[in-house]
């Protein structure tokens, strides 16, 4: 059911300019898919949908990321991470990332969007991010890669 729904989402965004999750949910309901906002949100994340400016309406709409757009997006995320992180350390399977004030959530979002396999989850505060890794080795590897990205 999930794969059918996600295939239908891709069809819908290709054929229709859909601006919001609510609008996407409504289209899916009309087609017989019982969905919640949380389900649609997860599908959008799984499908790596992005919002692009429509050339016809001038409004933002959902679109499937092309590799060129995705590479640009990844580059921007890495730049966000690079610009806001001041310190990275780890203990066991936990990574603590210090950022400039007010940028902890942006750094957490950048980590989440990079889809690093070893990251189980992140929690972003004002100037600190806690990232839980699968194991201590993953935490050490993540810190090494993050330090390399920052230099």
N, C-alpha and C. Protein backbone atom coordinates (compact mmCIF):
# COMPACT_ATOMS: atom_id res chain seq x y z
N UNK A 1 0.82 -1.19 0.00
CA UNK A 1 0.00 0.00 0.00
C UNK A 1 0.87 1.27 0.00
N UNK A 2 1.95 1.23 0.80
CA UNK A 2 2.83 2.39 0.89
C UNK A 2 3.43 2.73 -0.47
N UNK A 3 3.91 1.71 -1.18
CA UNK A 3 4.57 1.95 -2.46
C UNK A 3 3.57 2.44 -3.51
N UNK A 4 2.35 1.90 -3.46
CA UNK A 4 1.31 2.37 -4.39
C UNK A 4 0.98 3.84 -4.10
N UNK A 5 0.85 4.16 -2.83
CA UNK A 5 0.53 5.55 -2.44
C UNK A 5 1.66 6.48 -2.87
N UNK A 6 2.88 6.07 -2.63
CA UNK A 6 4.01 6.93 -3.00
C UNK A 6 4.12 7.08 -4.52
N UNK A 7 3.81 6.03 -5.26
CA UNK A 7 3.80 6.14 -6.73
C UNK A 7 2.72 7.12 -7.16
N UNK A 8 1.57 7.06 -6.49
CA UNK A 8 0.48 7.98 -6.82
C UNK A 8 0.87 9.42 -6.48
N UNK A 9 1.59 9.61 -5.39
CA UNK A 9 2.07 10.95 -5.03
C UNK A 9 2.96 11.50 -6.14
N UNK A 10 3.86 10.68 -6.63
CA UNK A 10 4.75 11.12 -7.72
C UNK A 10 3.95 11.49 -8.96
N UNK A 11 2.91 10.69 -9.28
CA UNK A 11 2.04 11.02 -10.41
C UNK A 11 1.32 12.34 -10.18
N UNK A 12 0.78 12.50 -8.97
CA UNK A 12 0.03 13.72 -8.66
C UNK A 12 0.88 14.98 -8.78
N UNK A 13 2.08 14.95 -8.22
CA UNK A 13 2.89 16.17 -8.27
C UNK A 13 3.42 16.46 -9.66
N UNK A 14 3.44 15.43 -10.50
CA UNK A 14 3.86 15.64 -11.89
C UNK A 14 2.72 16.27 -12.70
N UNK A 15 1.48 15.89 -12.39
CA UNK A 15 0.32 16.34 -13.15
C UNK A 15 -0.33 17.59 -12.59
N UNK A 16 -0.18 17.84 -11.29
CA UNK A 16 -0.89 18.91 -10.60
C UNK A 16 0.08 19.73 -9.76
N UNK A 17 -0.15 21.02 -9.71
CA UNK A 17 0.67 21.86 -8.83
C UNK A 17 0.10 21.77 -7.42
N UNK A 18 0.81 21.08 -6.56
CA UNK A 18 0.37 20.88 -5.17
C UNK A 18 1.29 21.67 -4.27
N UNK A 19 0.69 22.58 -3.49
CA UNK A 19 1.47 23.50 -2.67
C UNK A 19 1.67 23.04 -1.23
N UNK A 20 0.71 22.28 -0.68
CA UNK A 20 0.78 21.94 0.74
C UNK A 20 0.55 20.45 0.97
N UNK A 21 0.95 19.99 2.15
CA UNK A 21 0.69 18.61 2.54
C UNK A 21 -0.81 18.36 2.63
N UNK A 22 -1.53 19.35 3.12
CA UNK A 22 -2.98 19.22 3.25
C UNK A 22 -3.62 19.02 1.87
N UNK A 23 -3.16 19.78 0.91
CA UNK A 23 -3.67 19.65 -0.46
C UNK A 23 -3.34 18.27 -1.03
N UNK A 24 -2.14 17.79 -0.77
CA UNK A 24 -1.74 16.46 -1.23
C UNK A 24 -2.60 15.39 -0.56
N UNK A 25 -2.84 15.52 0.74
CA UNK A 25 -3.70 14.58 1.47
C UNK A 25 -5.09 14.54 0.87
N UNK A 26 -5.62 15.70 0.54
CA UNK A 26 -6.97 15.79 -0.04
C UNK A 26 -7.03 15.07 -1.38
N UNK A 27 -6.05 15.27 -2.23
CA UNK A 27 -5.99 14.57 -3.52
C UNK A 27 -5.95 13.06 -3.30
N UNK A 28 -5.14 12.62 -2.35
CA UNK A 28 -5.03 11.19 -2.07
C UNK A 28 -6.34 10.62 -1.54
N UNK A 29 -7.02 11.36 -0.67
CA UNK A 29 -8.31 10.91 -0.14
C UNK A 29 -9.33 10.74 -1.26
N UNK A 30 -9.35 11.70 -2.19
CA UNK A 30 -10.28 11.61 -3.33
C UNK A 30 -10.01 10.38 -4.19
N UNK A 31 -8.76 9.93 -4.17
CA UNK A 31 -8.39 8.74 -4.94
C UNK A 31 -8.53 7.44 -4.13
N UNK A 32 -9.05 7.55 -2.90
CA UNK A 32 -9.32 6.37 -2.09
C UNK A 32 -8.23 5.98 -1.12
N UNK A 33 -7.23 6.82 -0.94
CA UNK A 33 -6.16 6.53 0.02
C UNK A 33 -6.49 7.21 1.34
N UNK A 34 -6.63 6.42 2.39
CA UNK A 34 -6.87 6.98 3.72
C UNK A 34 -5.52 7.36 4.32
N UNK A 35 -5.24 8.66 4.36
CA UNK A 35 -3.93 9.11 4.84
C UNK A 35 -4.09 10.15 5.93
N UNK A 36 -3.07 10.23 6.76
CA UNK A 36 -3.01 11.29 7.76
C UNK A 36 -1.91 12.26 7.33
N UNK A 37 -1.87 13.40 7.98
CA UNK A 37 -0.83 14.38 7.69
C UNK A 37 0.54 13.78 7.99
N UNK A 38 0.63 12.99 9.05
CA UNK A 38 1.91 12.38 9.42
C UNK A 38 2.38 11.40 8.34
N UNK A 39 1.45 10.63 7.77
CA UNK A 39 1.79 9.70 6.70
C UNK A 39 2.29 10.44 5.48
N UNK A 40 1.59 11.50 5.10
CA UNK A 40 1.99 12.30 3.94
C UNK A 40 3.36 12.93 4.19
N UNK A 41 3.58 13.40 5.40
CA UNK A 41 4.87 14.00 5.75
C UNK A 41 6.00 12.98 5.60
N UNK A 42 5.78 11.76 6.09
CA UNK A 42 6.79 10.69 5.95
C UNK A 42 7.02 10.34 4.48
N UNK A 43 5.93 10.28 3.71
CA UNK A 43 6.07 9.98 2.28
C UNK A 43 6.89 11.06 1.58
N UNK A 44 6.65 12.31 1.91
CA UNK A 44 7.40 13.41 1.30
C UNK A 44 8.88 13.27 1.63
N UNK A 45 9.17 12.91 2.87
CA UNK A 45 10.57 12.72 3.28
C UNK A 45 11.18 11.51 2.57
N UNK A 46 10.45 10.39 2.54
CA UNK A 46 10.94 9.18 1.87
C UNK A 46 11.22 9.42 0.39
N UNK A 47 10.33 10.16 -0.26
CA UNK A 47 10.46 10.43 -1.69
C UNK A 47 11.43 11.57 -1.99
N UNK A 48 11.88 12.23 -0.93
CA UNK A 48 12.81 13.36 -1.05
C UNK A 48 12.25 14.45 -1.95
N UNK A 49 10.96 14.74 -1.73
CA UNK A 49 10.33 15.80 -2.51
C UNK A 49 10.84 17.14 -2.03
N UNK A 50 10.88 18.08 -2.94
CA UNK A 50 11.30 19.43 -2.62
C UNK A 50 10.23 20.39 -3.10
N UNK A 51 10.33 21.64 -2.69
CA UNK A 51 9.42 22.66 -3.20
C UNK A 51 10.19 23.52 -4.19
N UNK A 52 9.58 23.70 -5.36
CA UNK A 52 10.19 24.54 -6.38
C UNK A 52 9.19 25.61 -6.80
N UNK A 53 9.70 26.67 -7.35
CA UNK A 53 8.85 27.76 -7.82
C UNK A 53 8.24 27.37 -9.16
N UNK A 54 6.92 27.43 -9.23
CA UNK A 54 6.22 27.10 -10.46
C UNK A 54 6.39 28.22 -11.47
N UNK A 55 6.74 27.87 -12.68
CA UNK A 55 6.90 28.89 -13.73
C UNK A 55 5.55 29.40 -14.22
N UNK A 56 4.49 28.62 -14.02
CA UNK A 56 3.17 29.05 -14.49
C UNK A 56 2.41 29.88 -13.47
N UNK A 57 2.41 29.45 -12.21
CA UNK A 57 1.62 30.16 -11.20
C UNK A 57 2.44 31.11 -10.34
N UNK A 58 3.76 30.93 -10.31
CA UNK A 58 4.60 31.76 -9.46
C UNK A 58 4.55 31.36 -7.99
N UNK A 59 3.92 30.21 -7.70
CA UNK A 59 3.82 29.71 -6.32
C UNK A 59 4.74 28.51 -6.17
N UNK A 60 5.03 28.16 -4.91
CA UNK A 60 5.87 26.99 -4.65
C UNK A 60 5.02 25.73 -4.70
N UNK A 61 5.56 24.69 -5.30
CA UNK A 61 4.85 23.42 -5.44
C UNK A 61 5.83 22.28 -5.15
N UNK A 62 5.27 21.12 -4.81
CA UNK A 62 6.10 19.93 -4.60
C UNK A 62 6.61 19.40 -5.93
N UNK A 63 7.85 18.91 -5.91
CA UNK A 63 8.45 18.32 -7.10
C UNK A 63 9.44 17.25 -6.66
N UNK A 64 9.67 16.29 -7.54
CA UNK A 64 10.69 15.27 -7.28
C UNK A 64 12.04 15.90 -7.56
N UNK A 65 12.98 15.64 -6.71
CA UNK A 65 14.32 16.22 -6.87
C UNK A 65 15.07 15.50 -7.98
N UNK A 66 15.60 16.26 -8.90
CA UNK A 66 16.49 15.69 -9.91
C UNK A 66 17.87 15.58 -9.27
N UNK A 67 18.76 14.83 -9.86
CA UNK A 67 20.09 14.68 -9.26
C UNK A 67 20.80 16.03 -9.19
N UNK A 68 20.56 16.90 -10.18
CA UNK A 68 21.19 18.23 -10.16
C UNK A 68 20.67 19.06 -8.99
N UNK A 69 19.35 19.04 -8.80
CA UNK A 69 18.75 19.78 -7.69
C UNK A 69 19.19 19.18 -6.37
N UNK A 70 19.20 17.84 -6.30
CA UNK A 70 19.59 17.16 -5.07
C UNK A 70 21.04 17.47 -4.71
N UNK A 71 21.93 17.49 -5.70
CA UNK A 71 23.32 17.83 -5.44
C UNK A 71 23.44 19.26 -4.94
N UNK A 72 22.68 20.17 -5.53
CA UNK A 72 22.68 21.56 -5.09
C UNK A 72 22.17 21.66 -3.65
N UNK A 73 21.11 20.90 -3.35
CA UNK A 73 20.53 20.89 -2.01
C UNK A 73 21.54 20.36 -1.01
N UNK A 74 22.22 19.26 -1.34
CA UNK A 74 23.22 18.68 -0.45
C UNK A 74 24.36 19.66 -0.22
N UNK A 75 24.77 20.34 -1.26
CA UNK A 75 25.83 21.34 -1.13
C UNK A 75 25.40 22.46 -0.19
N UNK A 76 24.16 22.93 -0.34
CA UNK A 76 23.66 23.98 0.55
C UNK A 76 23.61 23.50 1.99
N UNK A 77 23.18 22.24 2.21
CA UNK A 77 23.14 21.71 3.57
C UNK A 77 24.53 21.63 4.18
N UNK A 78 25.48 21.19 3.39
CA UNK A 78 26.86 21.13 3.88
C UNK A 78 27.37 22.53 4.21
N UNK A 79 27.01 23.51 3.40
CA UNK A 79 27.42 24.89 3.68
C UNK A 79 26.78 25.41 4.96
N UNK A 80 25.50 25.10 5.17
CA UNK A 80 24.82 25.49 6.41
C UNK A 80 25.57 24.89 7.59
N UNK A 81 25.85 23.60 7.49
CA UNK A 81 26.55 22.89 8.56
C UNK A 81 27.90 23.53 8.81
N UNK A 82 28.63 23.79 7.75
CA UNK A 82 29.97 24.35 7.84
C UNK A 82 29.96 25.75 8.47
N UNK A 83 28.96 26.55 8.14
CA UNK A 83 28.89 27.93 8.63
C UNK A 83 28.43 28.04 10.08
N UNK A 84 27.68 27.07 10.57
CA UNK A 84 27.12 27.25 11.92
C UNK A 84 27.76 26.39 13.00
N UNK A 85 28.52 25.37 12.65
CA UNK A 85 29.11 24.47 13.65
C UNK A 85 30.43 25.04 14.16
N UNK A 86 30.58 25.05 15.50
CA UNK A 86 31.80 25.56 16.11
C UNK A 86 32.64 24.46 16.78
N UNK A 87 31.99 23.37 17.18
CA UNK A 87 32.71 22.31 17.90
C UNK A 87 31.95 21.00 17.79
N UNK A 88 32.68 19.90 17.68
CA UNK A 88 32.06 18.57 17.61
C UNK A 88 32.84 17.64 18.52
N UNK A 89 32.11 16.88 19.33
CA UNK A 89 32.76 15.86 20.17
C UNK A 89 31.80 14.69 20.33
N UNK A 90 32.31 13.58 20.86
CA UNK A 90 31.45 12.41 21.05
C UNK A 90 31.81 11.68 22.32
N UNK A 91 30.83 10.97 22.84
CA UNK A 91 31.00 10.08 23.99
C UNK A 91 30.09 8.89 23.74
N UNK A 92 30.67 7.72 23.75
CA UNK A 92 29.93 6.50 23.42
C UNK A 92 29.27 6.65 22.05
N UNK A 93 27.94 6.48 21.98
CA UNK A 93 27.26 6.60 20.69
C UNK A 93 26.56 7.95 20.51
N UNK A 94 26.92 8.92 21.34
CA UNK A 94 26.31 10.25 21.29
C UNK A 94 27.31 11.26 20.75
N UNK A 95 26.86 12.09 19.79
CA UNK A 95 27.68 13.17 19.26
C UNK A 95 27.05 14.48 19.72
N UNK A 96 27.88 15.37 20.24
CA UNK A 96 27.43 16.69 20.67
C UNK A 96 28.05 17.72 19.72
N UNK A 97 27.20 18.51 19.12
CA UNK A 97 27.64 19.51 18.15
C UNK A 97 27.26 20.89 18.68
N UNK A 98 28.25 21.74 18.87
CA UNK A 98 28.01 23.12 19.32
C UNK A 98 27.94 24.00 18.08
N UNK A 99 26.98 24.93 18.09
CA UNK A 99 26.80 25.83 16.95
C UNK A 99 26.80 27.28 17.42
N UNK A 100 26.77 28.17 16.47
CA UNK A 100 26.56 29.58 16.79
C UNK A 100 25.17 29.71 17.40
N UNK A 101 24.95 30.70 18.28
CA UNK A 101 23.63 30.86 18.91
C UNK A 101 22.51 30.95 17.88
N UNK A 102 21.43 30.19 18.15
CA UNK A 102 20.25 30.22 17.29
C UNK A 102 20.31 29.29 16.09
N UNK A 103 21.42 28.55 15.93
CA UNK A 103 21.57 27.73 14.72
C UNK A 103 21.60 26.23 14.99
N UNK A 104 21.30 25.82 16.21
CA UNK A 104 21.30 24.40 16.54
C UNK A 104 20.29 23.61 15.73
N UNK A 105 19.09 24.15 15.59
CA UNK A 105 18.06 23.44 14.83
C UNK A 105 18.41 23.37 13.35
N UNK A 106 19.04 24.41 12.81
CA UNK A 106 19.46 24.39 11.40
C UNK A 106 20.50 23.30 11.18
N UNK A 107 21.43 23.17 12.11
CA UNK A 107 22.46 22.13 11.99
C UNK A 107 21.83 20.74 12.10
N UNK A 108 20.87 20.58 13.02
CA UNK A 108 20.18 19.29 13.17
C UNK A 108 19.43 18.94 11.89
N UNK A 109 18.76 19.93 11.30
CA UNK A 109 18.04 19.71 10.06
C UNK A 109 19.00 19.31 8.94
N UNK A 110 20.16 19.95 8.89
CA UNK A 110 21.15 19.63 7.87
C UNK A 110 21.62 18.18 8.02
N UNK A 111 21.87 17.76 9.25
CA UNK A 111 22.29 16.37 9.50
C UNK A 111 21.19 15.41 9.08
N UNK A 112 19.95 15.69 9.49
CA UNK A 112 18.83 14.82 9.12
C UNK A 112 18.68 14.71 7.61
N UNK A 113 18.80 15.83 6.93
CA UNK A 113 18.60 15.85 5.48
C UNK A 113 19.74 15.16 4.73
N UNK A 114 20.91 15.09 5.34
CA UNK A 114 22.04 14.39 4.70
C UNK A 114 21.83 12.88 4.69
N UNK A 115 20.89 12.41 5.50
CA UNK A 115 20.53 10.99 5.57
C UNK A 115 21.74 10.09 5.82
N UNK A 116 22.49 10.45 6.84
CA UNK A 116 23.64 9.63 7.24
C UNK A 116 23.10 8.37 7.90
N UNK A 117 23.47 7.22 7.36
CA UNK A 117 22.93 5.94 7.82
C UNK A 117 23.13 5.69 9.31
N UNK A 118 24.28 6.10 9.82
CA UNK A 118 24.61 5.81 11.21
C UNK A 118 23.83 6.66 12.20
N UNK A 119 23.21 7.74 11.74
CA UNK A 119 22.48 8.63 12.63
C UNK A 119 21.09 8.06 12.90
N UNK A 120 20.81 7.77 14.16
CA UNK A 120 19.48 7.29 14.54
C UNK A 120 18.52 8.46 14.65
N UNK A 121 19.00 9.57 15.21
CA UNK A 121 18.16 10.76 15.34
C UNK A 121 18.95 11.93 15.88
N UNK A 122 18.37 13.12 15.72
CA UNK A 122 19.00 14.34 16.23
C UNK A 122 18.00 15.14 17.04
N UNK A 123 18.54 15.96 17.92
CA UNK A 123 17.73 16.88 18.70
C UNK A 123 18.47 18.21 18.70
N UNK A 124 17.86 19.22 18.09
CA UNK A 124 18.50 20.52 17.98
C UNK A 124 17.94 21.53 18.96
N UNK A 125 18.81 22.13 19.73
CA UNK A 125 18.43 23.21 20.63
C UNK A 125 18.87 24.54 20.05
N UNK A 126 19.06 25.54 20.89
CA UNK A 126 19.46 26.86 20.43
C UNK A 126 20.85 26.84 19.83
N UNK A 127 21.81 26.29 20.57
CA UNK A 127 23.20 26.28 20.08
C UNK A 127 23.87 24.92 20.25
N UNK A 128 23.08 23.88 20.40
CA UNK A 128 23.62 22.54 20.60
C UNK A 128 22.76 21.52 19.87
N UNK A 129 23.42 20.53 19.28
CA UNK A 129 22.72 19.41 18.65
C UNK A 129 23.21 18.13 19.31
N UNK A 130 22.29 17.27 19.69
CA UNK A 130 22.63 15.93 20.15
C UNK A 130 22.25 14.98 19.03
N UNK A 131 23.20 14.17 18.61
CA UNK A 131 22.94 13.18 17.57
C UNK A 131 23.24 11.80 18.14
N UNK A 132 22.27 10.92 18.07
CA UNK A 132 22.45 9.55 18.56
C UNK A 132 22.85 8.68 17.38
N UNK A 133 23.96 7.98 17.55
CA UNK A 133 24.48 7.10 16.50
C UNK A 133 24.19 5.64 16.85
N UNK A 134 24.36 4.77 15.88
CA UNK A 134 24.08 3.35 16.08
C UNK A 134 25.01 2.71 17.11
N UNK A 135 26.27 3.15 17.12
CA UNK A 135 27.25 2.58 18.04
C UNK A 135 28.40 3.57 18.22
N UNK A 136 29.28 3.33 19.19
CA UNK A 136 30.40 4.26 19.42
C UNK A 136 31.31 4.44 18.21
N UNK A 137 31.51 3.38 17.44
CA UNK A 137 32.36 3.49 16.25
C UNK A 137 31.74 4.45 15.22
N UNK A 138 30.43 4.39 15.08
CA UNK A 138 29.73 5.29 14.16
C UNK A 138 29.86 6.74 14.62
N UNK A 139 29.81 6.95 15.94
CA UNK A 139 29.96 8.31 16.48
C UNK A 139 31.34 8.85 16.17
N UNK A 140 32.35 8.02 16.36
CA UNK A 140 33.73 8.44 16.08
C UNK A 140 33.91 8.74 14.58
N UNK A 141 33.37 7.87 13.75
CA UNK A 141 33.47 8.06 12.29
C UNK A 141 32.75 9.35 11.87
N UNK A 142 31.56 9.59 12.43
CA UNK A 142 30.80 10.79 12.10
C UNK A 142 31.60 12.04 12.48
N UNK A 143 32.20 12.03 13.67
CA UNK A 143 33.00 13.18 14.12
C UNK A 143 34.18 13.42 13.19
N UNK A 144 34.85 12.35 12.78
CA UNK A 144 35.98 12.48 11.87
C UNK A 144 35.53 13.10 10.55
N UNK A 145 34.43 12.60 9.99
CA UNK A 145 33.91 13.13 8.72
C UNK A 145 33.45 14.58 8.88
N UNK A 146 32.81 14.88 10.00
CA UNK A 146 32.32 16.24 10.24
C UNK A 146 33.49 17.22 10.37
N UNK A 147 34.54 16.81 11.08
CA UNK A 147 35.73 17.67 11.20
C UNK A 147 36.35 17.92 9.82
N UNK A 148 36.38 16.88 9.01
CA UNK A 148 36.92 17.01 7.65
C UNK A 148 36.06 17.99 6.83
N UNK A 149 34.75 17.91 7.00
CA UNK A 149 33.85 18.80 6.27
C UNK A 149 34.04 20.26 6.70
N UNK A 150 34.38 20.47 7.95
CA UNK A 150 34.51 21.83 8.48
C UNK A 150 35.82 22.50 8.08
N UNK A 151 36.81 21.72 7.64
CA UNK A 151 38.10 22.33 7.28
C UNK A 151 38.25 22.52 5.80
